[in-house]
Protein backbone atom coordinates (compact mmCIF):
# COMPACT_ATOMS: atom_id res chain seq x y z
CA MET A 1 -2.88 81.69 30.39
CA SER A 2 -0.05 83.23 28.95
CA THR A 3 0.89 81.82 25.88
CA LYS A 4 4.13 80.10 27.07
CA LYS A 5 1.74 78.31 29.84
CA ARG A 6 -0.93 77.53 27.25
CA GLY A 7 2.13 76.41 24.93
CA LEU A 8 3.43 73.75 27.86
CA ALA A 9 -0.25 72.97 28.50
CA ALA A 10 -0.57 71.70 25.11
CA THR A 11 2.91 69.72 25.49
CA ALA A 12 1.79 67.41 28.62
CA ALA A 13 -1.55 67.45 27.02
CA THR A 14 0.16 65.56 23.55
CA PHE A 15 2.49 63.63 25.62
CA GLY A 16 -0.64 62.19 27.86
CA VAL A 17 -2.27 60.87 25.06
CA VAL A 18 1.09 59.31 23.68
CA LEU A 19 1.95 58.15 27.04
CA ALA A 20 -2.11 56.93 27.06
CA ILE A 21 -1.94 55.31 23.63
CA ALA A 22 1.28 53.12 24.02
CA PRO A 23 0.55 51.00 26.70
CA ALA A 24 -2.74 50.36 25.80
CA SER A 25 -1.34 49.07 22.49
CA TRP A 26 1.12 47.27 23.75
CA ALA A 27 -0.78 45.66 26.16
CA ALA A 28 -3.64 44.25 22.96
CA LEU A 29 -0.93 42.15 21.20
CA PRO A 30 -1.40 38.45 22.01
CA ALA A 31 0.75 35.88 24.21
CA ALA A 32 1.60 32.61 23.03
CA THR A 33 3.02 29.98 24.86
CA THR A 34 4.42 26.82 23.11
CA GLY A 35 3.22 23.61 24.92
CA GLY A 36 4.24 19.79 24.75
CA THR A 37 2.92 17.06 23.18
CA ASN A 38 0.96 14.16 23.35
CA LYS A 39 -0.42 11.45 20.63
CA VAL A 40 2.83 10.89 19.06
CA THR A 41 2.90 8.05 16.92
CA ALA A 42 5.29 7.02 14.13
CA SER A 43 3.71 9.74 11.55
CA SER A 44 1.78 11.77 13.41
CA ALA A 45 1.60 14.26 17.07
CA GLN A 46 -0.47 16.43 19.14
CA LEU A 47 0.55 20.07 19.69
CA HIS A 48 -0.68 21.63 22.60
CA GLY A 49 -0.33 25.55 24.08
CA THR A 50 -1.64 28.70 25.19
CA VAL A 51 -3.34 31.78 23.95
CA ASN A 52 -3.54 35.15 25.71
CA PRO A 53 -5.96 37.34 23.25
CA LYS A 54 -5.40 40.68 25.43
CA GLY A 55 -8.81 41.49 24.90
CA ALA A 56 -9.15 41.71 20.91
CA ALA A 57 -9.78 39.24 18.63
CA THR A 58 -7.18 36.87 18.25
CA THR A 59 -6.25 33.64 16.14
CA TYR A 60 -3.37 31.20 16.29
CA TYR A 61 -1.63 28.24 14.66
CA PHE A 62 1.59 26.07 14.84
CA GLU A 63 4.37 26.28 13.01
CA TYR A 64 6.31 22.80 12.61
CA GLY A 65 9.78 21.32 10.27
CA LEU A 66 13.18 19.82 10.73
CA THR A 67 15.01 22.49 11.36
CA ARG A 68 13.44 26.52 13.32
CA ARG A 69 12.52 27.32 9.96
CA TYR A 70 9.96 25.18 9.98
CA GLY A 71 8.27 25.25 6.06
CA SER A 72 5.23 23.96 7.51
CA ARG A 73 2.14 25.55 9.35
CA THR A 74 -1.45 24.19 10.52
CA PRO A 75 -4.62 26.30 9.89
CA ASP A 76 -5.78 29.27 11.57
CA THR A 77 -8.11 28.76 14.68
CA LYS A 78 -10.20 31.40 16.52
CA ALA A 79 -8.80 31.76 20.22
CA GLY A 80 -11.30 34.60 20.76
CA LYS A 81 -11.16 38.44 22.15
CA GLY A 82 -11.16 37.37 26.00
CA THR A 83 -8.16 38.09 28.36
CA LYS A 84 -7.71 35.02 29.78
CA ASN A 85 -5.24 32.37 28.71
CA VAL A 86 -6.97 29.93 25.59
CA ASN A 87 -5.83 26.27 25.56
CA ALA A 88 -4.41 25.93 21.97
CA VAL A 89 -4.25 22.31 20.41
CA ALA A 90 -3.50 21.23 16.69
CA ASP A 91 -2.88 17.69 14.97
CA ILE A 92 -0.27 17.63 12.96
CA GLY A 93 0.58 14.10 10.31
CA GLY A 94 2.52 13.19 7.23
CA LEU A 95 5.54 13.20 9.48
CA LYS A 96 8.94 10.51 9.34
CA ALA A 97 9.05 8.13 11.34
CA ASN A 98 11.77 8.09 14.32
CA THR A 99 12.55 11.57 12.89
CA THR A 100 13.02 15.09 15.29
CA TYR A 101 10.85 18.05 14.27
CA HIS A 102 10.78 21.74 15.50
CA TYR A 103 7.35 23.54 16.49
CA ARG A 104 6.05 26.65 17.94
CA LEU A 105 3.00 28.67 18.32
CA VAL A 106 2.06 31.48 16.98
CA ALA A 107 -0.88 34.02 17.85
CA SER A 108 -2.44 37.14 15.58
CA ASN A 109 -4.89 40.33 16.09
CA PRO A 110 -4.87 43.52 14.41
CA SER A 111 -2.10 44.78 17.14
CA GLY A 112 0.27 42.10 15.61
CA VAL A 113 1.85 38.85 15.76
CA THR A 114 3.70 36.75 18.98
CA SER A 115 5.00 33.65 18.53
CA GLY A 116 5.98 31.28 21.47
CA SER A 117 9.37 29.58 21.99
CA ASP A 118 10.70 26.66 19.62
CA ARG A 119 10.09 23.14 21.36
CA ALA A 120 10.65 19.41 19.71
CA VAL A 121 9.40 16.63 19.14
CA THR A 122 11.08 12.80 17.97
CA THR A 123 8.23 10.49 16.57
CA LYS A 124 8.08 6.91 17.22
CA LYS A 125 9.86 4.23 15.46
CA GLN A 126 7.92 2.22 12.63
CA PRO A 127 7.35 -1.51 13.34
CA LEU A 128 9.08 -3.39 10.72
CA GLY A 129 6.51 -5.32 8.54
CA LEU A 130 7.24 -7.71 5.94
CA ALA A 131 4.86 -7.70 2.37
CA PHE A 132 5.87 -10.34 0.15
CA ALA A 133 4.18 -11.29 -3.04
CA ALA A 134 4.70 -13.95 -5.83
CA THR A 135 3.81 -13.16 -9.38
CA PRO A 136 2.07 -14.53 -11.76
CA ASN A 137 0.13 -16.24 -9.21
CA PRO A 138 -1.59 -19.56 -10.06
CA ILE A 139 1.30 -20.49 -12.24
CA THR A 140 1.49 -23.06 -14.97
CA PHE A 141 3.06 -26.91 -13.74
CA GLY A 142 6.81 -26.87 -15.12
CA GLY A 143 7.11 -22.36 -14.55
CA GLY A 144 8.37 -20.38 -12.19
CA ALA A 145 7.06 -17.50 -9.52
CA ASN A 146 8.84 -14.26 -8.85
CA LEU A 147 9.59 -14.08 -5.39
CA GLY A 148 9.70 -10.85 -3.56
CA GLY A 149 8.45 -7.86 -0.91
CA GLN A 150 9.32 -4.93 1.46
CA LEU A 151 10.78 -4.86 4.77
CA THR A 152 8.88 -1.78 6.04
CA GLY A 153 9.64 0.36 9.64
CA THR A 154 12.85 1.71 11.23
CA GLY A 155 15.86 -0.01 10.17
CA ASN A 156 14.38 -1.93 7.55
CA ALA A 157 17.69 -1.83 5.58
CA GLY A 158 19.89 -4.38 5.40
CA LYS A 159 17.94 -7.30 6.92
CA GLN A 160 18.58 -10.78 6.34
CA ILE A 161 15.22 -12.01 5.13
CA ARG A 162 14.65 -15.92 4.29
CA LEU A 163 12.33 -17.61 2.53
CA GLN A 164 9.77 -20.03 3.63
CA GLN A 165 7.95 -22.92 2.30
CA ARG A 166 4.72 -25.83 3.26
CA ALA A 167 3.53 -27.78 0.14
CA PHE A 168 0.14 -28.94 0.09
CA PRO A 169 -1.96 -30.21 2.27
CA TYR A 170 0.28 -28.39 5.04
CA THR A 171 0.54 -30.51 7.19
CA ALA A 172 4.33 -30.38 8.42
CA GLY A 173 6.22 -27.25 9.20
CA PHE A 174 7.42 -24.49 7.20
CA ALA A 175 10.70 -25.69 6.08
CA ASN A 176 13.39 -22.64 5.01
CA LEU A 177 14.14 -22.55 1.26
CA GLY A 178 17.60 -21.81 -0.09
CA ASN A 179 20.10 -19.08 1.52
CA ALA A 180 18.83 -15.52 2.75
CA VAL A 181 19.04 -12.48 1.06
CA VAL A 182 19.90 -8.95 2.28
CA THR A 183 17.08 -5.86 2.31
CA ASP A 184 18.53 -2.94 0.25
CA GLY A 185 18.12 0.63 1.61
CA ASN A 186 14.59 0.84 0.98
CA GLY A 187 14.06 -2.61 2.58
CA ALA A 188 13.08 -4.17 -0.55
CA PHE A 189 14.22 -7.89 -1.30
CA SER A 190 13.99 -10.35 -4.45
CA PHE A 191 13.93 -14.57 -4.22
CA GLY A 192 14.21 -14.34 -7.98
CA ALA A 193 12.34 -17.27 -9.88
CA LEU A 194 11.34 -20.22 -7.89
CA ALA A 195 9.98 -23.42 -9.97
CA LEU A 196 6.92 -25.33 -8.25
CA THR A 197 5.61 -29.10 -8.69
CA GLN A 198 2.57 -27.92 -6.68
CA THR A 199 0.60 -25.53 -4.78
CA THR A 200 2.69 -24.52 -2.16
CA GLN A 201 2.39 -21.94 0.90
CA LEU A 202 5.13 -19.43 0.27
CA ARG A 203 6.08 -17.34 3.17
CA VAL A 204 9.27 -14.80 4.13
CA GLN A 205 10.69 -14.01 7.78
CA THR A 206 13.49 -12.18 9.20
CA THR A 207 16.14 -14.92 10.32
CA ASP A 208 15.94 -13.64 13.53
CA GLY A 209 12.65 -15.10 13.86
CA LYS A 210 11.47 -11.49 14.86
CA VAL A 211 9.08 -10.42 12.18
CA THR A 212 7.27 -12.85 9.64
CA SER A 213 4.75 -11.88 6.77
CA PRO A 214 1.16 -13.75 5.62
CA ILE A 215 1.43 -16.56 3.69
CA ALA A 216 1.00 -16.60 0.10
CA THR A 217 -0.21 -19.63 -1.50
CA VAL A 218 0.81 -20.12 -4.73
CA ALA A 219 -1.00 -22.42 -6.84
CA VAL A 220 0.12 -24.47 -9.56
CA ALA A 221 -2.31 -25.21 -12.73
CA VAL A 222 -1.77 -27.95 -14.78
CA ARG A 223 -0.57 -27.28 -18.23
CA VAL A 224 -2.71 -28.58 -20.84
CA LYS A 225 -1.24 -28.71 -24.36
CA THR A 226 -3.96 -28.19 -27.12
CA ASN A 227 -3.97 -29.55 -30.58
CA VAL A 228 -5.96 -29.40 -33.03
CA ASN A 229 -5.87 -31.18 -36.62
CA LYS A 230 -7.20 -28.73 -39.09
CA THR A 231 -7.77 -24.26 -38.03
CA ARG A 232 -10.02 -23.77 -41.63
CA VAL A 233 -12.77 -25.98 -41.92
CA LYS A 234 -15.96 -26.28 -43.79
CA ARG A 235 -18.54 -24.95 -42.01
CA GLY A 236 -20.52 -28.33 -40.27
CA ARG A 237 -17.79 -30.67 -40.46
CA LEU A 238 -16.09 -32.21 -37.35
CA VAL A 239 -12.41 -31.04 -35.45
CA ARG A 240 -10.85 -33.44 -33.59
CA PHE A 241 -9.16 -31.15 -30.10
CA SER A 242 -6.50 -33.54 -28.43
CA GLY A 243 -3.85 -33.05 -26.62
CA THR A 244 -1.99 -33.88 -23.01
CA ILE A 245 -2.26 -32.44 -19.13
CA ARG A 246 1.03 -32.58 -16.94
CA PRO A 247 1.32 -34.10 -14.41
CA ALA A 248 -0.58 -36.62 -15.28
CA ARG A 249 -4.38 -36.72 -13.87
CA GLU A 250 -6.75 -39.42 -15.78
CA GLY A 251 -9.75 -39.55 -15.29
CA ALA A 252 -9.92 -35.21 -15.35
CA LEU A 253 -13.15 -33.44 -16.76
CA PHE A 254 -11.87 -31.87 -19.77
CA ALA A 255 -13.88 -29.28 -22.11
CA ILE A 256 -14.45 -27.70 -25.18
CA GLN A 257 -15.30 -24.26 -25.15
CA LYS A 258 -15.76 -21.22 -27.27
CA LEU A 259 -16.09 -16.96 -26.58
CA GLY A 260 -19.09 -16.06 -27.07
CA ARG A 261 -19.96 -12.71 -27.86
CA SER A 262 -20.62 -12.06 -24.53
CA GLY A 263 -17.05 -11.91 -23.49
CA THR A 264 -17.71 -15.57 -21.49
CA TRP A 265 -15.94 -18.60 -22.60
CA VAL A 266 -19.29 -21.50 -23.35
CA THR A 267 -18.48 -25.06 -22.92
CA LEU A 268 -19.49 -26.88 -26.56
CA ALA A 269 -17.95 -30.79 -25.54
CA GLY A 270 -16.10 -32.66 -23.13
CA GLY A 271 -15.57 -35.82 -21.60
CA VAL A 272 -12.43 -37.15 -19.58
CA THR A 273 -8.63 -37.53 -19.94
CA ARG A 274 -7.25 -41.13 -20.37
CA LYS A 275 -4.28 -42.67 -19.13
CA GLY A 276 -1.00 -41.73 -21.43
CA GLY A 277 2.66 -42.05 -20.19
CA THR A 278 3.36 -41.81 -16.77
CA ALA A 279 4.28 -37.91 -16.44
CA TYR A 280 1.07 -37.10 -18.48
CA SER A 281 -2.07 -37.44 -19.43
CA GLY A 282 -4.24 -37.38 -22.34
CA PHE A 283 -7.65 -36.08 -23.95
CA SER A 284 -9.21 -36.45 -27.76
CA ARG A 285 -13.13 -35.07 -28.68
CA ARG A 286 -14.34 -33.88 -32.11
CA LEU A 287 -16.44 -31.39 -32.75
CA ARG A 288 -19.07 -30.47 -35.13
CA ILE A 289 -17.60 -26.85 -35.83
CA ARG A 290 -21.15 -24.88 -37.04
CA ARG A 291 -19.17 -21.25 -36.87
CA GLY A 292 -15.71 -19.86 -36.68
CA GLY A 293 -14.39 -18.39 -33.78
CA GLN A 294 -11.77 -19.02 -31.02
CA TYR A 295 -11.42 -22.13 -29.04
CA ARG A 296 -9.73 -23.62 -26.23
CA VAL A 297 -9.21 -26.86 -23.92
CA PHE A 298 -10.56 -26.14 -20.03
CA VAL A 299 -9.55 -29.30 -17.65
CA ARG A 300 -11.37 -28.97 -14.38
CA ILE A 301 -9.00 -30.00 -11.43
CA VAL A 302 -10.55 -30.24 -7.83
CA ASP A 303 -7.67 -31.46 -5.89
CA GLY A 304 -5.63 -29.41 -3.60
CA ASN A 305 -2.49 -30.16 -5.05
CA TYR A 306 -3.05 -28.78 -8.60
CA THR A 307 -5.55 -26.41 -10.11
CA SER A 308 -7.77 -26.23 -12.96
CA GLY A 309 -5.46 -25.76 -16.14
CA ILE A 310 -6.48 -24.23 -20.10
CA GLY A 311 -4.75 -25.08 -22.92
CA ARG A 312 -4.19 -22.31 -25.69
CA THR A 313 -6.66 -20.41 -27.66
CA VAL A 314 -7.22 -21.44 -31.14
CA THR A 315 -8.53 -19.84 -33.87
CA LEU A 316 -10.49 -21.95 -36.67
CA ARG A 317 -12.31 -20.47 -39.33
CA THR A 318 -14.78 -21.56 -41.47
CA HIS A 319 -16.35 -21.67 -44.73
CA ARG A 320 -18.98 -23.46 -47.21
């Protein structure tokens, strides 16, 4: 073969190799087709698609976000190295309610990366819900509870909320209390402080009546005022504990208690409350003090109108 022919043959052979390699390399790129969604909630969705590995070991993931720039992605998932379509699926969460998210399927293998088309899914609206609390709870007779909470869900801003109450023994229906308030941009609302004269059930409701909170029972404890005739006492001598409870509860049990080393209150003596004025009852009891420490008076109430009350803590010091 002449030198010229050998050159042409070599050139043809060279081009033949190039043409043989190029289609094989192109065919090995994976195929990725972005599919639809299901299991869509207010905060999550399941994404679908298909991947064809084209004979090379392939992995896939989904990109998703509020725009076509995405910003988030699911973990890599193996699709194998076959030549048939493989179902691709991934769950995404932590989404905002009633919001449109873009997503696409991405497949990759040693030959390169293929992206599916962009698609979008809109999460569902978050149903409205009411959270409500009263603090402190229980409150002391004559005191007040701060009332507030939050309306959660889609469209929670600018909604009117009304407060309702039902006093013990809860035989009547709930009655509206005061004027309605309007939720702020985050759905929060407050009714401020409310003074209660007996244990009461409270709840809040949207003015259209469609959303109602769970019931919060605010307990009202009797107010205990404690007096002692001395705070420094000779060891073994008597100290007189006296005082009043409001509202009046004649015949209620009271106990003089001392804080023990274990952190629990130990009852040392007691009695029953006696009649005082129309608005209060009184108590009085002498106690022999053998050791200094912290003392208090506990008044036990068992009816549903009020709960038990505790007077102030008194520190007694002993000496020889």
